Amino acid sequence: MRIREMTQDDIDAVSRLRARSFQHAYVGLVPQSHLDAISLERESGRLRDWFEAGTGVVDHLVAEEGDGDIVGWACVGPYRGEEETEPAGGHEPGGDGELYALHVRADRIGTGTGRALMDTGLELATGRGFGRILLWVLEGNARARRFYEKAGFVPDGHTQSTRVAGQDIPELQYVRPLL
């Protein structure tokens, strides 16, 4: 397995991975109707728009097996803040970075794929001069919380709720110093 920069040619594979990852990881955490309604076309369109609008400060990474299969994806960039919904266009040196997303194919959970993606993302964030990296995780996602805590992230006390299919889903913000 190798970690590399995502290309436009990876968008459909990453979209399938994201959709299946959501459907696997969030069972019991978000309404099943939402998981059942995830559309590969919609995911692909969203990711394509987000990827193509890239500002040069957002890093999209994929974990690729020797046969070319994409088994993981991560996205790191400037901290979006609580008000923004898409990555910011720039950042101040020493400002905060954010791990926007990290998805691993279900059969690769526990194999080191997620850790390799995250470590590469953290190296890139450090190289961009971010002093800390933040992320949001569903409060009820115990597996993800353990994963991030083992990697040195700690909850910082900030919370928010995301409304999904008419239900408020609580999230916790985690932080890790980089420098």
Protein backbone atom coordinates (compact mmCIF):
# COMPACT_ATOMS: atom_id res chain seq x y z
CA MET A 1 0.00 0.00 0.00
CA ARG A 2 1.18 3.51 -0.72
CA ILE A 3 -0.13 6.95 0.22
CA ARG A 4 -0.18 9.45 -2.61
CA GLU A 5 -1.82 12.68 -3.68
CA MET A 6 -5.30 12.21 -5.08
CA THR A 7 -5.87 13.01 -8.76
CA GLN A 8 -9.01 13.82 -10.69
CA ASP A 9 -8.97 10.26 -12.01
CA ASP A 10 -9.54 9.02 -8.43
CA ILE A 11 -12.77 10.94 -7.85
CA ASP A 12 -15.20 8.11 -8.70
CA ALA A 13 -13.27 5.53 -6.65
CA VAL A 14 -13.00 7.90 -3.68
CA SER A 15 -16.71 8.73 -3.96
CA ARG A 16 -17.60 5.02 -3.78
CA LEU A 17 -15.27 4.63 -0.83
CA ARG A 18 -16.78 7.63 0.99
CA ALA A 19 -20.34 6.44 0.43
CA ARG A 20 -19.62 2.91 1.65
CA SER A 21 -17.57 4.22 4.55
CA PHE A 22 -20.44 6.43 5.71
CA GLN A 23 -22.86 3.55 5.36
CA HIS A 24 -20.60 1.27 7.42
CA ALA A 25 -19.25 3.63 10.09
CA TYR A 26 -22.42 5.54 10.90
CA VAL A 27 -24.92 2.68 11.36
CA GLY A 28 -26.77 3.46 14.57
CA LEU A 29 -25.23 6.93 14.78
CA VAL A 30 -27.28 8.71 12.11
CA PRO A 31 -30.75 7.88 10.81
CA GLN A 32 -30.70 4.81 8.59
CA SER A 33 -32.87 6.64 6.05
CA HIS A 34 -29.98 9.05 5.49
CA LEU A 35 -27.48 6.22 5.01
CA ASP A 36 -29.82 4.42 2.61
CA ALA A 37 -30.25 7.60 0.56
CA ILE A 38 -26.53 8.17 -0.07
CA SER A 39 -26.09 8.44 -3.81
CA LEU A 40 -22.82 7.69 -5.55
CA GLU A 41 -23.68 10.29 -8.19
CA ARG A 42 -24.26 12.97 -5.56
CA GLU A 43 -21.08 12.03 -3.66
CA SER A 44 -19.08 12.08 -6.88
CA GLY A 45 -20.49 15.47 -7.86
CA ARG A 46 -19.78 16.97 -4.45
CA LEU A 47 -16.26 15.61 -4.35
CA ARG A 48 -15.56 16.69 -7.92
CA ASP A 49 -16.76 20.25 -7.16
CA TRP A 50 -14.76 20.39 -3.92
CA PHE A 51 -11.64 18.90 -5.52
CA GLU A 52 -11.79 21.12 -8.62
CA ALA A 53 -12.33 24.25 -6.52
CA GLY A 54 -9.14 23.42 -4.61
CA THR A 55 -7.06 26.40 -3.63
CA GLY A 56 -3.69 24.73 -3.43
CA VAL A 57 -3.81 24.64 0.38
CA VAL A 58 -6.02 21.55 0.70
CA ASP A 59 -4.35 18.16 0.46
CA HIS A 60 -6.38 15.18 -0.76
CA LEU A 61 -4.61 11.87 -0.12
CA VAL A 62 -5.45 8.33 -1.13
CA ALA A 63 -4.23 4.97 0.11
CA GLU A 64 -3.70 2.74 -2.90
CA GLU A 65 -3.04 -0.98 -2.93
CA GLY A 66 -0.54 -2.52 -5.37
CA ASP A 67 -3.34 -3.44 -7.76
CA GLY A 68 -4.51 0.20 -7.95
CA ASP A 69 -7.53 -0.17 -5.64
CA ILE A 70 -8.21 2.92 -3.53
CA VAL A 71 -8.72 1.74 0.07
CA GLY A 72 -8.60 5.05 1.92
CA TRP A 73 -8.92 8.81 1.54
CA ALA A 74 -8.07 11.76 3.75
CA CYS A 75 -8.36 15.51 3.31
CA VAL A 76 -6.39 18.12 5.28
CA GLY A 77 -6.26 21.90 5.02
CA PRO A 78 -6.77 25.17 6.89
CA TYR A 79 -9.20 25.13 9.80
CA ARG A 80 -12.62 26.07 8.48
CA GLY A 81 -13.94 27.53 11.69
CA GLU A 82 -17.41 26.97 12.99
CA GLU A 83 -19.20 29.07 10.38
CA GLU A 84 -17.69 27.75 7.17
CA THR A 85 -18.81 24.63 5.33
CA GLU A 86 -16.01 24.26 2.79
CA PRO A 87 -12.24 24.67 3.14
CA ALA A 88 -10.92 28.19 3.47
CA GLY A 89 -8.91 29.70 0.66
CA GLY A 90 -5.77 30.36 2.65
CA HIS A 91 -4.20 30.32 6.08
CA GLU A 92 -1.93 32.26 8.32
CA PRO A 93 1.43 30.73 9.23
CA GLY A 94 1.13 29.07 12.62
CA GLY A 95 -2.65 29.01 12.31
CA ASP A 96 -4.74 25.90 12.75
CA GLY A 97 -5.19 23.10 10.28
CA GLU A 98 -8.06 20.65 10.06
CA LEU A 99 -8.40 17.01 9.20
CA TYR A 100 -11.62 17.39 7.21
CA ALA A 101 -12.15 13.72 6.53
CA LEU A 102 -10.58 10.31 6.84
CA HIS A 103 -12.29 7.28 5.30
CA VAL A 104 -11.01 3.73 5.06
CA ARG A 105 -12.63 0.79 3.32
CA ALA A 106 -14.36 -1.39 5.96
CA ASP A 107 -12.12 -4.40 5.33
CA ARG A 108 -9.04 -2.22 5.91
CA ILE A 109 -10.07 -0.93 9.37
CA GLY A 110 -7.42 -1.94 11.88
CA THR A 111 -4.73 -2.60 9.26
CA GLY A 112 -2.81 0.67 9.63
CA THR A 113 -4.31 2.25 6.50
CA GLY A 114 -6.07 5.01 8.43
CA ARG A 115 -3.00 5.70 10.52
CA ALA A 116 -0.78 5.93 7.42
CA LEU A 117 -3.20 8.41 5.82
CA MET A 118 -3.42 10.47 8.97
CA ASP A 119 0.35 10.49 9.53
CA THR A 120 0.92 11.71 5.97
CA GLY A 121 -1.75 14.37 6.42
CA LEU A 122 -0.14 15.51 9.67
CA GLU A 123 3.26 15.75 7.96
CA LEU A 124 1.76 17.89 5.20
CA ALA A 125 -0.03 20.10 7.75
CA THR A 126 3.22 20.55 9.68
CA GLY A 127 5.01 21.43 6.43
CA ARG A 128 2.37 24.08 5.74
CA GLY A 129 3.17 25.69 9.09
CA PHE A 130 0.02 24.79 11.00
CA GLY A 131 0.58 24.88 14.76
CA ARG A 132 -2.31 22.57 15.58
CA ILE A 133 -4.66 20.24 13.74
CA LEU A 134 -8.33 20.02 14.64
CA LEU A 135 -11.09 17.64 13.62
CA TRP A 136 -14.74 16.93 14.32
CA VAL A 137 -15.98 13.46 15.25
CA LEU A 138 -19.46 12.19 16.05
CA GLU A 139 -19.82 11.97 19.81
CA GLY A 140 -21.20 8.43 19.56
CA ASN A 141 -18.45 7.17 17.23
CA ALA A 142 -16.40 5.36 19.89
CA ARG A 143 -14.16 3.56 17.38
CA ALA A 144 -13.13 6.83 15.66
CA ARG A 145 -12.64 8.59 18.99
CA ARG A 146 -10.30 5.81 20.20
CA PHE A 147 -8.40 5.98 16.89
CA TYR A 148 -7.84 9.74 17.20
CA GLU A 149 -7.00 9.56 20.90
CA LYS A 150 -4.32 6.91 20.21
CA ALA A 151 -2.86 9.36 17.67
CA GLY A 152 -2.52 12.10 20.30
CA PHE A 153 -5.76 14.03 19.72
CA VAL A 154 -7.76 15.21 22.74
CA PRO A 155 -11.25 16.73 22.98
CA ASP A 156 -10.96 20.48 23.42
CA GLY A 157 -14.42 21.07 24.87
CA HIS A 158 -16.02 22.49 21.72
CA THR A 159 -19.20 20.82 20.53
CA GLN A 160 -21.66 21.28 17.71
CA SER A 161 -24.65 19.45 16.31
CA THR A 162 -25.20 18.52 12.71
CA ARG A 163 -28.79 18.04 11.58
CA VAL A 164 -29.17 14.80 9.61
CA ALA A 165 -32.58 13.62 8.39
CA GLY A 166 -34.33 15.73 11.03
CA GLN A 167 -32.14 14.54 13.90
CA ASP A 168 -29.44 16.52 15.69
CA ILE A 169 -26.19 14.55 15.80
CA PRO A 170 -23.70 15.79 18.43
CA GLU A 171 -20.06 16.21 17.42
CA LEU A 172 -16.94 16.83 19.47
CA GLN A 173 -13.93 18.80 18.36
CA TYR A 174 -10.51 17.21 18.91
CA VAL A 175 -7.12 18.93 18.72
CA ARG A 176 -3.47 17.93 18.50
CA PRO A 177 -0.43 20.21 18.55
CA LEU A 178 1.89 19.88 15.55
CA LEU A 179 4.88 22.10 16.29
